[in-house]
């Protein structure tokens, strides 16, 4: 059913019809379909595609989908504080092996971090998806700065998953920690990802208000 929605969304074999796409996505999500259906419904609500824009409904479906995505257990070699965050059922974060990513391009670089666009293989739906990797500079030597940044992302993402959708945590070959984020398919965060990632947290909160 979700695949039928995709046909209407992209106009594959049928006339493109966002209203029909939304209806099929929602039917699939409501009967406990794939996490892709839930993600697509959330995206339609967030961007007003095929339905009226409704951030509350978008957040509902993003949170429901997040409950399905807790996958890998946290490894033993990380600190106890980071392990507690990863094991917290509230945030549903996964530890993601760096080998699962294909780096496509660098979005931008600041004094604190570098943000990359990458592809990540979604094993649940057996497909590649676009993600943003925020690599925290020198976090192999100063883990506390990374942990504070991760906590901030988690708290904002928990309340507003249509603004920030954090999939989990990884670590590159240099030992620096990475925050793995979803990329919005249209508008806002996709266009301004680097700028948003480099903002002070008080400024991020102002964007949400």
N, C-alpha and C. Protein backbone atom coordinates (compact mmCIF):
# COMPACT_ATOMS: atom_id res chain seq x y z
N UNK A 1 0.83 -1.21 0.00
CA UNK A 1 0.00 0.00 0.00
C UNK A 1 0.86 1.26 0.00
N UNK A 2 1.94 1.22 0.75
CA UNK A 2 2.87 2.35 0.76
C UNK A 2 3.48 2.55 -0.62
N UNK A 3 3.77 1.45 -1.31
CA UNK A 3 4.37 1.55 -2.64
C UNK A 3 3.40 2.18 -3.64
N UNK A 4 2.09 1.92 -3.45
CA UNK A 4 1.08 2.56 -4.31
C UNK A 4 1.10 4.07 -4.08
N UNK A 5 1.22 4.45 -2.81
CA UNK A 5 1.34 5.87 -2.49
C UNK A 5 2.54 6.49 -3.19
N UNK A 6 3.65 5.75 -3.24
CA UNK A 6 4.83 6.23 -3.93
C UNK A 6 4.60 6.43 -5.42
N UNK A 7 3.81 5.54 -6.02
CA UNK A 7 3.49 5.68 -7.44
C UNK A 7 2.73 6.98 -7.70
N UNK A 8 1.75 7.26 -6.84
CA UNK A 8 0.99 8.52 -6.99
C UNK A 8 1.86 9.73 -6.69
N UNK A 9 2.75 9.60 -5.72
CA UNK A 9 3.59 10.74 -5.33
C UNK A 9 4.54 11.13 -6.47
N UNK A 10 5.14 10.13 -7.10
CA UNK A 10 6.14 10.40 -8.14
C UNK A 10 5.58 10.31 -9.56
N UNK A 11 4.30 9.90 -9.69
CA UNK A 11 3.70 9.78 -11.01
C UNK A 11 4.25 8.61 -11.80
N UNK A 12 4.49 7.50 -11.11
CA UNK A 12 5.01 6.30 -11.77
C UNK A 12 3.85 5.41 -12.20
N UNK A 13 3.55 5.37 -13.50
CA UNK A 13 2.47 4.52 -14.01
C UNK A 13 1.08 5.11 -13.84
N UNK A 14 0.96 6.21 -13.14
CA UNK A 14 -0.32 6.90 -12.93
C UNK A 14 -0.05 8.41 -12.98
N UNK A 15 -1.13 9.18 -13.09
CA UNK A 15 -0.98 10.63 -13.02
C UNK A 15 -0.56 11.02 -11.61
N UNK A 16 0.38 11.94 -11.51
CA UNK A 16 0.83 12.39 -10.19
C UNK A 16 -0.33 13.00 -9.42
N UNK A 17 -0.51 12.54 -8.18
CA UNK A 17 -1.64 13.00 -7.36
C UNK A 17 -1.22 12.94 -5.90
N UNK A 18 -0.85 14.08 -5.33
CA UNK A 18 -0.37 14.11 -3.94
C UNK A 18 -1.47 13.74 -2.95
N UNK A 19 -2.71 14.06 -3.27
CA UNK A 19 -3.82 13.71 -2.36
C UNK A 19 -3.96 12.19 -2.24
N UNK A 20 -3.90 11.51 -3.38
CA UNK A 20 -3.98 10.05 -3.37
C UNK A 20 -2.75 9.45 -2.69
N UNK A 21 -1.59 10.04 -2.96
CA UNK A 21 -0.37 9.55 -2.32
C UNK A 21 -0.50 9.62 -0.81
N UNK A 22 -0.97 10.75 -0.30
CA UNK A 22 -1.13 10.91 1.14
C UNK A 22 -2.10 9.88 1.70
N UNK A 23 -3.22 9.65 1.03
CA UNK A 23 -4.22 8.70 1.52
C UNK A 23 -3.65 7.28 1.61
N UNK A 24 -2.89 6.88 0.60
CA UNK A 24 -2.30 5.53 0.64
C UNK A 24 -1.20 5.44 1.69
N UNK A 25 -0.39 6.47 1.82
CA UNK A 25 0.62 6.48 2.87
C UNK A 25 -0.03 6.34 4.25
N UNK A 26 -1.11 7.11 4.45
CA UNK A 26 -1.76 7.11 5.76
C UNK A 26 -2.42 5.76 6.05
N UNK A 27 -3.06 5.16 5.04
CA UNK A 27 -3.67 3.84 5.24
C UNK A 27 -2.61 2.82 5.63
N UNK A 28 -1.47 2.84 4.94
CA UNK A 28 -0.39 1.91 5.25
C UNK A 28 0.15 2.14 6.65
N UNK A 29 0.31 3.40 7.03
CA UNK A 29 0.82 3.71 8.37
C UNK A 29 -0.15 3.28 9.45
N UNK A 30 -1.44 3.48 9.21
CA UNK A 30 -2.46 3.17 10.22
C UNK A 30 -2.61 1.68 10.48
N UNK A 31 -2.29 0.85 9.49
CA UNK A 31 -2.42 -0.60 9.69
C UNK A 31 -1.08 -1.21 10.15
N UNK A 32 -0.17 -0.33 10.58
CA UNK A 32 1.11 -0.83 11.08
C UNK A 32 2.07 -1.19 9.99
N UNK A 33 2.02 -0.42 8.89
CA UNK A 33 2.92 -0.67 7.77
C UNK A 33 4.35 -0.32 8.08
N UNK A 34 5.13 -0.18 7.04
CA UNK A 34 6.56 0.06 7.20
C UNK A 34 6.83 1.42 7.83
N UNK A 35 8.03 1.57 8.37
CA UNK A 35 8.38 2.87 8.92
C UNK A 35 8.47 3.91 7.83
N UNK A 36 8.63 3.48 6.56
CA UNK A 36 8.63 4.43 5.45
C UNK A 36 7.27 5.10 5.31
N UNK A 37 6.20 4.31 5.50
CA UNK A 37 4.85 4.88 5.41
C UNK A 37 4.66 5.94 6.48
N UNK A 38 5.11 5.65 7.70
CA UNK A 38 4.99 6.61 8.79
C UNK A 38 5.81 7.86 8.50
N UNK A 39 7.00 7.66 7.96
CA UNK A 39 7.86 8.80 7.62
C UNK A 39 7.23 9.65 6.52
N UNK A 40 6.63 9.00 5.52
CA UNK A 40 6.01 9.73 4.42
C UNK A 40 4.79 10.51 4.88
N UNK A 41 3.97 9.90 5.75
CA UNK A 41 2.82 10.61 6.30
C UNK A 41 3.28 11.83 7.08
N UNK A 42 4.29 11.64 7.91
CA UNK A 42 4.83 12.76 8.69
C UNK A 42 5.33 13.87 7.78
N UNK A 43 6.02 13.48 6.71
CA UNK A 43 6.53 14.48 5.77
C UNK A 43 5.43 15.23 5.06
N UNK A 44 4.35 14.52 4.71
CA UNK A 44 3.21 15.18 4.06
C UNK A 44 2.57 16.20 5.00
N UNK A 45 2.38 15.79 6.26
CA UNK A 45 1.82 16.73 7.24
C UNK A 45 2.75 17.92 7.45
N UNK A 46 4.04 17.66 7.53
CA UNK A 46 5.00 18.73 7.80
C UNK A 46 5.03 19.76 6.67
N UNK A 47 4.96 19.28 5.43
CA UNK A 47 5.12 20.17 4.28
C UNK A 47 3.81 20.53 3.60
N UNK A 48 2.67 20.02 4.13
CA UNK A 48 1.38 20.32 3.51
C UNK A 48 1.23 19.72 2.13
N UNK A 49 1.70 18.51 1.95
CA UNK A 49 1.62 17.83 0.66
C UNK A 49 0.46 16.85 0.68
N UNK A 50 -0.56 17.10 -0.11
CA UNK A 50 -1.72 16.22 -0.18
C UNK A 50 -2.67 16.36 0.99
N UNK A 51 -2.36 17.23 1.91
CA UNK A 51 -3.18 17.45 3.09
C UNK A 51 -2.84 18.82 3.68
N UNK A 52 -3.63 19.26 4.64
CA UNK A 52 -3.34 20.54 5.29
C UNK A 52 -2.10 20.41 6.17
N UNK A 53 -1.25 21.42 6.15
CA UNK A 53 -0.04 21.40 6.98
C UNK A 53 -0.43 21.32 8.45
N UNK A 54 0.16 20.34 9.16
CA UNK A 54 -0.19 20.08 10.55
C UNK A 54 1.05 19.56 11.28
N UNK A 55 1.78 20.47 11.94
CA UNK A 55 3.03 20.09 12.60
C UNK A 55 2.78 19.13 13.76
N UNK A 56 1.65 19.27 14.45
CA UNK A 56 1.35 18.36 15.56
C UNK A 56 1.20 16.93 15.06
N UNK A 57 0.48 16.75 13.95
CA UNK A 57 0.34 15.41 13.37
C UNK A 57 1.66 14.90 12.82
N UNK A 58 2.46 15.81 12.24
CA UNK A 58 3.78 15.41 11.74
C UNK A 58 4.63 14.88 12.88
N UNK A 59 4.65 15.60 14.00
CA UNK A 59 5.43 15.15 15.15
C UNK A 59 4.93 13.82 15.69
N UNK A 60 3.60 13.62 15.68
CA UNK A 60 3.02 12.35 16.15
C UNK A 60 3.58 11.18 15.35
N UNK A 61 3.59 11.32 14.02
CA UNK A 61 4.04 10.20 13.19
C UNK A 61 5.56 10.04 13.22
N UNK A 62 6.28 11.14 13.33
CA UNK A 62 7.73 11.01 13.48
C UNK A 62 8.08 10.26 14.77
N UNK A 63 7.38 10.58 15.86
CA UNK A 63 7.65 9.92 17.14
C UNK A 63 7.26 8.44 17.09
N UNK A 64 6.12 8.15 16.44
CA UNK A 64 5.68 6.76 16.33
C UNK A 64 6.68 5.94 15.52
N UNK A 65 7.18 6.55 14.45
CA UNK A 65 8.18 5.86 13.63
C UNK A 65 9.46 5.64 14.41
N UNK A 66 9.85 6.63 15.20
CA UNK A 66 11.10 6.54 15.96
C UNK A 66 11.09 5.33 16.89
N UNK A 67 9.90 4.96 17.39
CA UNK A 67 9.81 3.82 18.30
C UNK A 67 10.18 2.50 17.61
N UNK A 68 10.11 2.49 16.27
CA UNK A 68 10.45 1.27 15.53
C UNK A 68 11.93 1.19 15.17
N UNK A 69 12.64 2.30 15.33
CA UNK A 69 13.97 2.38 14.75
C UNK A 69 15.12 2.14 15.72
N UNK A 70 14.82 1.82 16.96
CA UNK A 70 15.88 1.50 17.92
C UNK A 70 16.47 0.16 17.51
N UNK A 71 17.69 0.15 17.02
CA UNK A 71 18.25 -1.07 16.43
C UNK A 71 19.45 -1.59 17.20
N UNK A 72 20.61 -1.05 16.93
CA UNK A 72 21.84 -1.63 17.48
C UNK A 72 22.04 -1.29 18.95
N UNK A 73 22.50 -2.26 19.72
CA UNK A 73 22.85 -2.00 21.11
C UNK A 73 24.12 -1.16 21.18
N UNK A 74 24.22 -0.37 22.24
CA UNK A 74 25.41 0.46 22.39
C UNK A 74 26.62 -0.43 22.69
N UNK A 75 27.79 -0.08 22.13
CA UNK A 75 28.99 -0.91 22.34
C UNK A 75 29.56 -0.74 23.74
N UNK A 76 30.42 -1.65 24.12
CA UNK A 76 30.98 -1.63 25.47
C UNK A 76 32.11 -0.62 25.63
N UNK A 77 32.73 -0.18 24.52
CA UNK A 77 33.93 0.65 24.64
C UNK A 77 33.63 2.14 24.84
N UNK A 78 32.37 2.54 24.91
CA UNK A 78 32.05 3.96 25.11
C UNK A 78 31.87 4.25 26.59
N UNK A 79 31.83 5.54 26.94
CA UNK A 79 31.70 5.94 28.34
C UNK A 79 30.32 5.58 28.88
N UNK A 80 30.23 5.47 30.18
CA UNK A 80 28.96 5.10 30.82
C UNK A 80 27.89 6.17 30.58
N UNK A 81 28.29 7.45 30.51
CA UNK A 81 27.31 8.52 30.29
C UNK A 81 26.72 8.45 28.89
N UNK A 82 27.56 8.22 27.89
CA UNK A 82 27.05 8.09 26.53
C UNK A 82 26.21 6.83 26.39
N UNK A 83 26.61 5.77 27.04
CA UNK A 83 25.84 4.53 27.00
C UNK A 83 24.44 4.73 27.58
N UNK A 84 24.33 5.53 28.65
CA UNK A 84 23.02 5.80 29.25
C UNK A 84 22.11 6.53 28.26
N UNK A 85 22.68 7.47 27.51
CA UNK A 85 21.88 8.21 26.53
C UNK A 85 21.39 7.27 25.42
N UNK A 86 22.28 6.42 24.93
CA UNK A 86 21.92 5.50 23.86
C UNK A 86 20.90 4.47 24.31
N UNK A 87 20.97 4.07 25.58
CA UNK A 87 20.05 3.06 26.09
C UNK A 87 18.74 3.66 26.59
N UNK A 88 18.64 4.99 26.60
CA UNK A 88 17.43 5.66 27.09
C UNK A 88 16.29 5.42 26.11
N UNK A 89 15.20 4.80 26.58
CA UNK A 89 14.07 4.49 25.72
C UNK A 89 13.35 5.74 25.22
N UNK A 90 13.58 6.85 25.89
CA UNK A 90 12.93 8.10 25.48
C UNK A 90 13.37 8.53 24.08
N UNK A 91 14.68 8.41 23.79
CA UNK A 91 15.21 8.97 22.56
C UNK A 91 15.32 7.96 21.42
N UNK A 92 15.36 6.67 21.73
CA UNK A 92 15.41 5.62 20.71
C UNK A 92 16.59 5.80 19.75
N UNK A 93 17.75 6.10 20.28
CA UNK A 93 18.93 6.27 19.44
C UNK A 93 19.63 4.94 19.19
N UNK A 94 20.26 4.84 18.05
CA UNK A 94 21.03 3.64 17.70
C UNK A 94 22.51 3.98 17.60
N UNK A 95 23.35 3.01 17.96
CA UNK A 95 24.77 3.12 17.64
C UNK A 95 24.93 2.59 16.22
N UNK A 96 25.47 3.40 15.31
CA UNK A 96 25.56 3.04 13.90
C UNK A 96 27.02 2.93 13.50
N UNK A 97 27.39 1.77 12.99
CA UNK A 97 28.78 1.56 12.56
C UNK A 97 29.11 2.51 11.41
N UNK A 98 30.27 3.14 11.48
CA UNK A 98 30.68 4.12 10.47
C UNK A 98 30.76 3.48 9.08
N UNK A 99 30.98 2.18 9.02
CA UNK A 99 31.08 1.49 7.74
C UNK A 99 29.75 1.46 6.99
N UNK A 100 28.65 1.77 7.69
CA UNK A 100 27.33 1.74 7.05
C UNK A 100 27.05 3.00 6.23
N UNK A 101 27.95 3.98 6.28
CA UNK A 101 27.72 5.23 5.56
C UNK A 101 28.56 5.32 4.29
N UNK A 102 28.01 6.01 3.30
CA UNK A 102 28.77 6.44 2.12
C UNK A 102 28.75 7.96 2.11
N UNK A 103 29.92 8.59 2.27
CA UNK A 103 29.99 10.04 2.30
C UNK A 103 29.85 10.58 0.87
N UNK A 104 28.88 11.46 0.65
CA UNK A 104 28.63 12.01 -0.67
C UNK A 104 29.31 13.37 -0.88
N UNK A 105 29.18 14.26 0.10
CA UNK A 105 29.81 15.58 -0.04
C UNK A 105 29.84 16.27 1.32
N UNK A 106 30.70 17.27 1.41
CA UNK A 106 30.74 18.09 2.62
C UNK A 106 29.76 19.25 2.47
N UNK A 107 28.87 19.40 3.47
CA UNK A 107 27.94 20.52 3.45
C UNK A 107 28.63 21.80 3.89
N UNK A 108 29.41 21.72 4.95
CA UNK A 108 30.06 22.92 5.47
C UNK A 108 30.88 22.59 6.70
N UNK A 109 31.74 23.53 7.06
CA UNK A 109 32.64 23.30 8.18
C UNK A 109 32.73 24.54 9.05
N UNK A 110 32.70 24.33 10.36
CA UNK A 110 32.85 25.42 11.32
C UNK A 110 33.94 25.07 12.31
N UNK A 111 34.11 25.92 13.30
CA UNK A 111 35.15 25.68 14.29
C UNK A 111 34.86 24.50 15.19
N UNK A 112 33.57 24.18 15.35
CA UNK A 112 33.16 23.13 16.27
C UNK A 112 32.90 21.80 15.58
N UNK A 113 32.45 21.85 14.31
CA UNK A 113 32.04 20.61 13.64
C UNK A 113 32.09 20.76 12.13
N UNK A 114 32.01 19.60 11.46
CA UNK A 114 31.85 19.53 10.01
C UNK A 114 30.61 18.71 9.72
N UNK A 115 29.79 19.17 8.77
CA UNK A 115 28.56 18.47 8.43
C UNK A 115 28.69 17.89 7.03
N UNK A 116 28.36 16.60 6.89
CA UNK A 116 28.42 15.91 5.61
C UNK A 116 27.04 15.41 5.21
N UNK A 117 26.81 15.37 3.90
CA UNK A 117 25.67 14.64 3.36
C UNK A 117 26.18 13.23 3.06
N UNK A 118 25.45 12.23 3.54
CA UNK A 118 25.86 10.84 3.36
C UNK A 118 24.65 9.96 3.04
N UNK A 119 24.92 8.77 2.56
CA UNK A 119 23.89 7.75 2.36
C UNK A 119 24.07 6.68 3.42
N UNK A 120 22.96 6.24 3.97
CA UNK A 120 22.97 5.21 5.02
C UNK A 120 22.01 4.11 4.62
N UNK A 121 22.43 2.85 4.73
CA UNK A 121 21.57 1.75 4.32
C UNK A 121 20.57 1.43 5.41
N UNK A 122 19.29 1.62 5.09
CA UNK A 122 18.18 1.33 6.01
C UNK A 122 17.86 -0.15 5.90
N UNK A 123 18.31 -0.93 6.87
CA UNK A 123 18.15 -2.38 6.81
C UNK A 123 16.71 -2.82 7.01
N UNK A 124 15.91 -1.98 7.67
CA UNK A 124 14.50 -2.33 7.89
C UNK A 124 13.74 -2.32 6.57
N UNK A 125 13.98 -1.29 5.74
CA UNK A 125 13.27 -1.17 4.46
C UNK A 125 14.13 -1.56 3.27
N UNK A 126 15.36 -2.03 3.55
CA UNK A 126 16.25 -2.53 2.50
C UNK A 126 16.49 -1.49 1.41
N UNK A 127 16.84 -0.27 1.83
CA UNK A 127 17.12 0.78 0.85
C UNK A 127 18.06 1.82 1.46
N UNK A 128 18.69 2.60 0.59
CA UNK A 128 19.56 3.68 1.04
C UNK A 128 18.74 4.92 1.33
N UNK A 129 19.15 5.70 2.34
CA UNK A 129 18.48 6.96 2.64
C UNK A 129 19.53 8.04 2.90
N UNK A 130 19.14 9.28 2.61
CA UNK A 130 20.03 10.41 2.84
C UNK A 130 20.03 10.80 4.31
N UNK A 131 21.21 11.06 4.85
CA UNK A 131 21.34 11.53 6.23
C UNK A 131 22.40 12.63 6.27
N UNK A 132 22.39 13.39 7.35
CA UNK A 132 23.44 14.37 7.61
C UNK A 132 24.29 13.86 8.76
N UNK A 133 25.58 13.92 8.59
CA UNK A 133 26.52 13.50 9.63
C UNK A 133 27.20 14.74 10.20
N UNK A 134 26.97 15.02 11.47
CA UNK A 134 27.63 16.14 12.12
C UNK A 134 28.80 15.59 12.93
N UNK A 135 30.01 15.79 12.41
CA UNK A 135 31.22 15.30 13.06
C UNK A 135 31.72 16.38 14.03
N UNK A 136 31.80 16.04 15.30
CA UNK A 136 32.24 16.99 16.32
C UNK A 136 33.77 16.94 16.42
N UNK A 137 34.41 18.06 16.11
CA UNK A 137 35.88 18.10 16.08
C UNK A 137 36.48 17.78 17.46
N UNK A 138 37.52 16.96 17.44
CA UNK A 138 38.30 16.63 18.64
C UNK A 138 37.47 16.01 19.76
N UNK A 139 36.34 15.41 19.40
CA UNK A 139 35.51 14.77 20.43
C UNK A 139 36.14 13.49 20.95
N UNK A 140 37.14 12.97 20.22
CA UNK A 140 37.88 11.82 20.74
C UNK A 140 38.70 12.19 21.97
N UNK A 141 38.98 13.51 22.11
CA UNK A 141 39.74 13.99 23.27
C UNK A 141 38.86 14.70 24.29
N UNK A 142 37.74 15.25 23.83
CA UNK A 142 36.83 15.98 24.72
C UNK A 142 35.41 15.47 24.51
N UNK A 143 35.11 14.35 25.14
CA UNK A 143 33.81 13.71 24.94
C UNK A 143 32.66 14.52 25.53
N UNK A 144 32.93 15.31 26.56
CA UNK A 144 31.86 16.03 27.25
C UNK A 144 31.18 17.04 26.33
N UNK A 145 31.94 17.72 25.47
CA UNK A 145 31.33 18.67 24.54
C UNK A 145 30.38 17.95 23.59
N UNK A 146 30.81 16.78 23.12
CA UNK A 146 29.95 16.00 22.24
C UNK A 146 28.69 15.56 22.97
N UNK A 147 28.82 15.06 24.18
CA UNK A 147 27.67 14.59 24.94
C UNK A 147 26.67 15.72 25.18
N UNK A 148 27.16 16.92 25.48
CA UNK A 148 26.26 18.05 25.68
C UNK A 148 25.53 18.40 24.39
N UNK A 149 26.26 18.39 23.27
CA UNK A 149 25.63 18.66 21.97
C UNK A 149 24.58 17.60 21.65
N UNK A 150 24.90 16.34 21.92
CA UNK A 150 23.96 15.25 21.66
C UNK A 150 22.71 15.40 22.51
N UNK A 151 22.88 15.75 23.79
CA UNK A 151 21.72 15.95 24.66
C UNK A 151 20.82 17.06 24.13
N UNK A 152 21.44 18.14 23.67
CA UNK A 152 20.65 19.25 23.12
C UNK A 152 19.85 18.81 21.90
N UNK A 153 20.52 18.09 20.99
CA UNK A 153 19.84 17.59 19.81
C UNK A 153 18.70 16.66 20.19
N UNK A 154 18.95 15.78 21.14
CA UNK A 154 17.94 14.80 21.55
C UNK A 154 16.71 15.49 22.13
N UNK A 155 16.91 16.46 22.99
CA UNK A 155 15.78 17.12 23.64
C UNK A 155 14.94 17.89 22.63
N UNK A 156 15.59 18.64 21.74
CA UNK A 156 14.83 19.37 20.72
C UNK A 156 14.20 18.40 19.74
N UNK A 157 14.93 17.37 19.32
CA UNK A 157 14.38 16.39 18.39
C UNK A 157 13.23 15.60 18.97
N UNK A 158 13.25 15.35 20.28
CA UNK A 158 12.18 14.59 20.92
C UNK A 158 10.88 15.37 20.86
N UNK A 159 10.95 16.67 21.15
CA UNK A 159 9.75 17.51 21.16
C UNK A 159 9.36 17.96 19.75
N UNK A 160 10.33 18.09 18.85
CA UNK A 160 10.06 18.63 17.52
C UNK A 160 10.78 17.81 16.45
N UNK A 161 10.38 16.55 16.25
CA UNK A 161 11.08 15.70 15.28
C UNK A 161 10.95 16.17 13.85
N UNK A 162 9.96 17.05 13.56
CA UNK A 162 9.87 17.58 12.20
C UNK A 162 10.94 18.64 11.96
N UNK A 163 11.58 19.13 13.04
CA UNK A 163 12.66 20.12 12.91
C UNK A 163 14.01 19.42 12.93
N UNK A 164 14.22 18.56 13.91
CA UNK A 164 15.46 17.78 14.01
C UNK A 164 15.10 16.32 14.25
N UNK A 165 15.59 15.44 13.41
CA UNK A 165 15.31 14.02 13.56
C UNK A 165 16.63 13.28 13.70
N UNK A 166 16.98 12.93 14.92
CA UNK A 166 18.27 12.31 15.21
C UNK A 166 18.13 10.79 15.19
N UNK A 167 18.88 10.13 14.29
CA UNK A 167 18.82 8.67 14.18
C UNK A 167 19.70 7.97 15.20
N UNK A 168 20.86 8.56 15.47
CA UNK A 168 21.77 7.87 16.37
C UNK A 168 23.16 8.50 16.38
N UNK A 169 24.12 7.68 16.77
CA UNK A 169 25.49 8.13 16.99
C UNK A 169 26.45 7.18 16.29
N UNK A 170 27.55 7.74 15.80
CA UNK A 170 28.60 6.92 15.19
C UNK A 170 29.96 7.52 15.58
N UNK A 171 31.00 6.93 15.03
CA UNK A 171 32.36 7.41 15.31
C UNK A 171 33.21 7.14 14.08
N UNK A 172 33.93 8.16 13.61
CA UNK A 172 34.71 7.97 12.39
C UNK A 172 36.07 7.33 12.66
N UNK A 173 36.84 7.18 11.60
CA UNK A 173 38.12 6.47 11.73
C UNK A 173 39.15 7.24 12.55
N UNK A 174 38.93 8.55 12.74
CA UNK A 174 39.81 9.36 13.58
C UNK A 174 39.40 9.32 15.05
N UNK A 175 38.28 8.66 15.33
CA UNK A 175 37.81 8.56 16.71
C UNK A 175 36.85 9.66 17.12
N UNK A 176 36.53 10.59 16.19
CA UNK A 176 35.59 11.66 16.52
C UNK A 176 34.16 11.16 16.45
N UNK A 177 33.33 11.63 17.38
CA UNK A 177 31.94 11.22 17.43
C UNK A 177 31.10 11.96 16.39
N UNK A 178 30.01 11.32 15.99
CA UNK A 178 29.14 11.84 14.93
C UNK A 178 27.69 11.76 15.39
N UNK A 179 26.94 12.84 15.16
CA UNK A 179 25.49 12.82 15.34
C UNK A 179 24.87 12.59 13.98
N UNK A 180 24.03 11.55 13.87
CA UNK A 180 23.42 11.16 12.60
C UNK A 180 21.99 11.71 12.57
N UNK A 181 21.73 12.58 11.59
CA UNK A 181 20.43 13.25 11.51
C UNK A 181 19.74 12.94 10.19
N UNK A 182 18.41 12.90 10.23
CA UNK A 182 17.63 12.79 9.02
C UNK A 182 17.66 14.12 8.27
N UNK A 183 17.46 14.06 6.96
CA UNK A 183 17.43 15.26 6.13
C UNK A 183 16.02 15.47 5.64
N UNK A 184 15.47 16.65 5.88
CA UNK A 184 14.12 16.97 5.41
C UNK A 184 14.10 16.93 3.89
N UNK A 185 13.04 16.30 3.30
CA UNK A 185 13.00 16.17 1.85
C UNK A 185 12.81 17.49 1.12
N UNK A 186 12.22 18.48 1.79
CA UNK A 186 11.98 19.77 1.14
C UNK A 186 12.17 20.88 2.15
N UNK A 187 12.72 22.00 1.67
CA UNK A 187 12.72 23.22 2.47
C UNK A 187 13.59 23.22 3.70
N UNK A 188 13.37 24.19 4.52
CA UNK A 188 13.96 24.52 5.81
C UNK A 188 15.29 23.84 6.11
N UNK A 189 15.25 22.73 6.84
CA UNK A 189 16.47 22.13 7.36
C UNK A 189 17.40 21.66 6.25
N UNK A 190 16.85 21.15 5.16
CA UNK A 190 17.71 20.70 4.07
C UNK A 190 18.48 21.88 3.47
N UNK A 191 17.80 23.01 3.31
CA UNK A 191 18.44 24.17 2.70
C UNK A 191 19.40 24.86 3.65
N UNK A 192 19.13 24.77 4.93
CA UNK A 192 19.89 25.56 5.90
C UNK A 192 20.60 24.69 6.93
N UNK A 193 20.92 23.45 6.55
CA UNK A 193 21.42 22.48 7.52
C UNK A 193 22.70 22.95 8.20
N UNK A 194 23.63 23.46 7.44
CA UNK A 194 24.90 23.88 8.02
C UNK A 194 24.68 25.04 8.97
N UNK A 195 23.90 26.03 8.52
CA UNK A 195 23.66 27.20 9.36
C UNK A 195 22.97 26.80 10.66
N UNK A 196 21.98 25.92 10.57
CA UNK A 196 21.26 25.47 11.76
C UNK A 196 22.20 24.72 12.70
N UNK A 197 23.04 23.86 12.15
CA UNK A 197 23.92 23.04 12.99
C UNK A 197 24.95 23.88 13.73
N UNK A 198 25.29 25.06 13.19
CA UNK A 198 26.31 25.90 13.81
C UNK A 198 25.72 26.95 14.76
N UNK A 199 24.38 27.06 14.81
CA UNK A 199 23.76 28.06 15.68
C UNK A 199 23.97 27.74 17.15
N UNK A 200 23.96 28.78 17.97
CA UNK A 200 23.89 28.58 19.40
C UNK A 200 22.51 28.02 19.73
N UNK A 201 22.41 27.27 20.84
CA UNK A 201 21.14 26.60 21.14
C UNK A 201 20.02 27.58 21.45
N UNK A 202 20.33 28.73 22.02
CA UNK A 202 19.28 29.72 22.26
C UNK A 202 18.69 30.21 20.94
N UNK A 203 19.52 30.27 19.88
CA UNK A 203 19.04 30.69 18.57
C UNK A 203 18.22 29.59 17.91
N UNK A 204 18.61 28.32 18.13
CA UNK A 204 17.80 27.21 17.62
C UNK A 204 16.41 27.24 18.23
N UNK A 205 16.35 27.52 19.53
CA UNK A 205 15.07 27.58 20.21
C UNK A 205 14.22 28.71 19.65
N UNK A 206 14.84 29.83 19.31
CA UNK A 206 14.09 30.94 18.74
C UNK A 206 13.49 30.57 17.39
N UNK A 207 14.19 29.72 16.61
CA UNK A 207 13.65 29.26 15.34
C UNK A 207 12.40 28.44 15.56
N UNK A 208 12.39 27.63 16.63
CA UNK A 208 11.26 26.74 16.89
C UNK A 208 10.04 27.50 17.39
N UNK A 209 10.24 28.63 18.07
CA UNK A 209 9.12 29.36 18.67
C UNK A 209 8.31 30.07 17.59
